[in-house]
Amino acid sequence: MSFVEILDNLALRKSELVERFEHLIAPKLDQELEAMAQASRSLTL
């Protein structure tokens, strides 16, 4: 299988997982970071 065949068969739409990851690493306001920190804390305690 050639690289071109693989490239042509890649998904044209981003997966939900990739979209979630992009959202997590996107720039955030202080309020958004605080909300994420509080949610993380509540899940880990």
PDB file of N, CA and C in Angstrom:
ATOM      1  N   MET A   1       0.857  -1.173   0.000  1.00  0.00           N
ATOM      2  CA  MET A   1       0.000   0.000   0.000  1.00  0.00           C
ATOM      3  C   MET A   1       0.902   1.235   0.000  1.00  0.00           C
ATOM      4  N   SER A   2       0.591   2.167  -0.864  1.00  0.00           N
ATOM      5  CA  SER A   2       1.411   3.371  -0.970  1.00  0.00           C
ATOM      6  C   SER A   2       0.902   4.464  -0.036  1.00  0.00           C
ATOM      7  N   PHE A   3       1.744   5.453   0.166  1.00  0.00           N
ATOM      8  CA  PHE A   3       1.370   6.594   0.997  1.00  0.00           C
ATOM      9  C   PHE A   3       0.138   7.296   0.439  1.00  0.00           C
ATOM     10  N   VAL A   4       0.053   7.406  -0.883  1.00  0.00           N
ATOM     11  CA  VAL A   4      -1.081   8.085  -1.524  1.00  0.00           C
ATOM     12  C   VAL A   4      -2.384   7.359  -1.213  1.00  0.00           C
ATOM     13  N   GLU A   5      -2.363   6.040  -1.240  1.00  0.00           N
ATOM     14  CA  GLU A   5      -3.566   5.268  -0.923  1.00  0.00           C
ATOM     15  C   GLU A   5      -4.001   5.515   0.520  1.00  0.00           C
ATOM     16  N   ILE A   6      -3.044   5.554   1.420  1.00  0.00           N
ATOM     17  CA  ILE A   6      -3.365   5.815   2.826  1.00  0.00           C
ATOM     18  C   ILE A   6      -3.913   7.222   2.980  1.00  0.00           C
ATOM     19  N   LEU A   7      -3.254   8.194   2.374  1.00  0.00           N
ATOM     20  CA  LEU A   7      -3.688   9.585   2.468  1.00  0.00           C
ATOM     21  C   LEU A   7      -5.091   9.761   1.904  1.00  0.00           C
ATOM     22  N   ASP A   8      -5.374   9.126   0.797  1.00  0.00           N
ATOM     23  CA  ASP A   8      -6.698   9.235   0.179  1.00  0.00           C
ATOM     24  C   ASP A   8      -7.793   8.602   1.027  1.00  0.00           C
ATOM     25  N   ASN A   9      -7.440   7.683   1.906  1.00  0.00           N
ATOM     26  CA  ASN A   9      -8.439   6.989   2.717  1.00  0.00           C
ATOM     27  C   ASN A   9      -8.604   7.570   4.118  1.00  0.00           C
ATOM     28  N   LEU A  10      -7.896   8.638   4.431  1.00  0.00           N
ATOM     29  CA  LEU A  10      -8.050   9.258   5.741  1.00  0.00           C
ATOM     30  C   LEU A  10      -9.427   9.893   5.861  1.00  0.00           C
ATOM     31  N   ALA A  11      -9.918   9.967   7.074  1.00  0.00           N
ATOM     32  CA  ALA A  11     -11.240  10.568   7.301  1.00  0.00           C
ATOM     33  C   ALA A  11     -11.225  12.040   6.906  1.00  0.00           C
ATOM     34  N   LEU A  12     -12.291  12.469   6.285  1.00  0.00           N
ATOM     35  CA  LEU A  12     -12.401  13.871   5.887  1.00  0.00           C
ATOM     36  C   LEU A  12     -12.912  14.734   7.035  1.00  0.00           C
ATOM     37  N   ARG A  13     -13.537  14.114   8.005  1.00  0.00           N
ATOM     38  CA  ARG A  13     -14.071  14.834   9.160  1.00  0.00           C
ATOM     39  C   ARG A  13     -13.258  14.438  10.385  1.00  0.00           C
ATOM     40  N   LYS A  14     -12.998  15.408  11.256  1.00  0.00           N
ATOM     41  CA  LYS A  14     -12.251  15.115  12.480  1.00  0.00           C
ATOM     42  C   LYS A  14     -13.106  14.256  13.399  1.00  0.00           C
ATOM     43  N   SER A  15     -12.457  13.345  14.086  1.00  0.00           N
ATOM     44  CA  SER A  15     -13.182  12.501  15.029  1.00  0.00           C
ATOM     45  C   SER A  15     -13.584  13.330  16.246  1.00  0.00           C
ATOM     46  N   GLU A  16     -14.553  12.812  16.982  1.00  0.00           N
ATOM     47  CA  GLU A  16     -15.005  13.493  18.195  1.00  0.00           C
ATOM     48  C   GLU A  16     -13.852  13.627  19.188  1.00  0.00           C
ATOM     49  N   LEU A  17     -13.001  12.619  19.260  1.00  0.00           N
ATOM     50  CA  LEU A  17     -11.864  12.653  20.171  1.00  0.00           C
ATOM     51  C   LEU A  17     -10.901  13.783  19.814  1.00  0.00           C
ATOM     52  N   VAL A  18     -10.616  13.953  18.531  1.00  0.00           N
ATOM     53  CA  VAL A  18      -9.728  15.030  18.085  1.00  0.00           C
ATOM     54  C   VAL A  18     -10.363  16.384  18.377  1.00  0.00           C
ATOM     55  N   GLU A  19     -11.666  16.509  18.141  1.00  0.00           N
ATOM     56  CA  GLU A  19     -12.348  17.773  18.424  1.00  0.00           C
ATOM     57  C   GLU A  19     -12.296  18.101  19.914  1.00  0.00           C
ATOM     58  N   ARG A  20     -12.486  17.085  20.766  1.00  0.00           N
ATOM     59  CA  ARG A  20     -12.407  17.309  22.220  1.00  0.00           C
ATOM     60  C   ARG A  20     -11.002  17.742  22.620  1.00  0.00           C
ATOM     61  N   PHE A  21      -9.982  17.102  22.039  1.00  0.00           N
ATOM     62  CA  PHE A  21      -8.601  17.454  22.348  1.00  0.00           C
ATOM     63  C   PHE A  21      -8.301  18.886  21.914  1.00  0.00           C
ATOM     64  N   GLU A  22      -8.747  19.267  20.716  1.00  0.00           N
ATOM     65  CA  GLU A  22      -8.540  20.641  20.248  1.00  0.00           C
ATOM     66  C   GLU A  22      -9.176  21.642  21.203  1.00  0.00           C
ATOM     67  N   HIS A  23     -10.360  21.300  21.694  1.00  0.00           N
ATOM     68  CA  HIS A  23     -11.041  22.190  22.641  1.00  0.00           C
ATOM     69  C   HIS A  23     -10.237  22.314  23.937  1.00  0.00           C
ATOM     70  N   LEU A  24      -9.674  21.216  24.401  1.00  0.00           N
ATOM     71  CA  LEU A  24      -8.903  21.249  25.648  1.00  0.00           C
ATOM     72  C   LEU A  24      -7.635  22.092  25.534  1.00  0.00           C
ATOM     73  N   ILE A  25      -6.982  22.074  24.373  1.00  0.00           N
ATOM     74  CA  ILE A  25      -5.715  22.799  24.245  1.00  0.00           C
ATOM     75  C   ILE A  25      -5.882  24.201  23.671  1.00  0.00           C
ATOM     76  N   ALA A  26      -7.109  24.573  23.351  1.00  0.00           N
ATOM     77  CA  ALA A  26      -7.361  25.921  22.824  1.00  0.00           C
ATOM     78  C   ALA A  26      -7.164  26.953  23.939  1.00  0.00           C
ATOM     79  N   PRO A  27      -6.812  28.186  23.584  1.00  0.00           N
ATOM     80  CA  PRO A  27      -6.675  29.239  24.599  1.00  0.00           C
ATOM     81  C   PRO A  27      -7.964  29.387  25.410  1.00  0.00           C
ATOM     82  N   LYS A  28      -7.807  29.651  26.699  1.00  0.00           N
ATOM     83  CA  LYS A  28      -8.953  29.747  27.610  1.00  0.00           C
ATOM     84  C   LYS A  28      -8.914  31.057  28.386  1.00  0.00           C
ATOM     85  N   LEU A  29     -10.098  31.520  28.745  1.00  0.00           N
ATOM     86  CA  LEU A  29     -10.220  32.655  29.651  1.00  0.00           C
ATOM     87  C   LEU A  29      -9.956  32.164  31.069  1.00  0.00           C
ATOM     88  N   ASP A  30      -9.642  33.083  31.973  1.00  0.00           N
ATOM     89  CA  ASP A  30      -9.396  32.701  33.366  1.00  0.00           C
ATOM     90  C   ASP A  30     -10.583  31.945  33.959  1.00  0.00           C
ATOM     91  N   GLN A  31     -11.798  32.388  33.641  1.00  0.00           N
ATOM     92  CA  GLN A  31     -12.995  31.732  34.182  1.00  0.00           C
ATOM     93  C   GLN A  31     -13.114  30.296  33.670  1.00  0.00           C
ATOM     94  N   GLU A  32     -12.756  30.072  32.421  1.00  0.00           N
ATOM     95  CA  GLU A  32     -12.811  28.721  31.859  1.00  0.00           C
ATOM     96  C   GLU A  32     -11.774  27.814  32.517  1.00  0.00           C
ATOM     97  N   LEU A  33     -10.577  28.356  32.752  1.00  0.00           N
ATOM     98  CA  LEU A  33      -9.537  27.570  33.429  1.00  0.00           C
ATOM     99  C   LEU A  33      -9.959  27.228  34.846  1.00  0.00           C
ATOM    100  N   GLU A  34     -10.571  28.178  35.531  1.00  0.00           N
ATOM    101  CA  GLU A  34     -11.034  27.934  36.899  1.00  0.00           C
ATOM    102  C   GLU A  34     -12.099  26.838  36.913  1.00  0.00           C
ATOM    103  N   ALA A  35     -13.029  26.882  35.975  1.00  0.00           N
ATOM    104  CA  ALA A  35     -14.075  25.857  35.899  1.00  0.00           C
ATOM    105  C   ALA A  35     -13.461  24.480  35.631  1.00  0.00           C
ATOM    106  N   MET A  36     -12.472  24.425  34.747  1.00  0.00           N
ATOM    107  CA  MET A  36     -11.800  23.154  34.459  1.00  0.00           C
ATOM    108  C   MET A  36     -11.060  22.644  35.693  1.00  0.00           C
ATOM    109  N   ALA A  37     -10.411  23.548  36.417  1.00  0.00           N
ATOM    110  CA  ALA A  37      -9.671  23.157  37.616  1.00  0.00           C
ATOM    111  C   ALA A  37     -10.617  22.625  38.687  1.00  0.00           C
ATOM    112  N   GLN A  38     -11.751  23.280  38.862  1.00  0.00           N
ATOM    113  CA  GLN A  38     -12.718  22.820  39.862  1.00  0.00           C
ATOM    114  C   GLN A  38     -13.304  21.461  39.483  1.00  0.00           C
ATOM    115  N   ALA A  39     -13.612  21.280  38.208  1.00  0.00           N
ATOM    116  CA  ALA A  39     -14.141  19.987  37.757  1.00  0.00           C
ATOM    117  C   ALA A  39     -13.098  18.892  37.960  1.00  0.00           C
ATOM    118  N   SER A  40     -11.852  19.182  37.642  1.00  0.00           N
ATOM    119  CA  SER A  40     -10.776  18.215  37.818  1.00  0.00           C
ATOM    120  C   SER A  40     -10.613  17.846  39.290  1.00  0.00           C
ATOM    121  N   ARG A  41     -10.645  18.848  40.128  1.00  0.00           N
ATOM    122  CA  ARG A  41     -10.493  18.614  41.572  1.00  0.00           C
ATOM    123  C   ARG A  41     -11.620  17.733  42.103  1.00  0.00           C
ATOM    124  N   SER A  42     -12.850  18.023  41.680  1.00  0.00           N
ATOM    125  CA  SER A  42     -13.985  17.238  42.180  1.00  0.00           C
ATOM    126  C   SER A  42     -13.916  15.783  41.706  1.00  0.00           C
ATOM    127  N   LEU A  43     -13.314  15.556  40.553  1.00  0.00           N
ATOM    128  CA  LEU A  43     -13.199  14.192  40.039  1.00  0.00           C
ATOM    129  C   LEU A  43     -12.069  13.408  40.692  1.00  0.00           C
ATOM    130  N   THR A  44     -11.074  14.111  41.228  1.00  0.00           N
ATOM    131  CA  THR A  44      -9.893  13.420  41.753  1.00  0.00           C
ATOM    132  C   THR A  44      -9.853  13.344  43.275  1.00  0.00           C
ATOM    133  N   LEU A  45     -10.785  13.975  43.937  1.00  0.00           N
ATOM    134  CA  LEU A  45     -10.798  13.893  45.409  1.00  0.00           C
ATOM    135  C   LEU A  45     -11.836  12.930  45.910  1.00  0.00           C
TER     136      LEU A  45
END
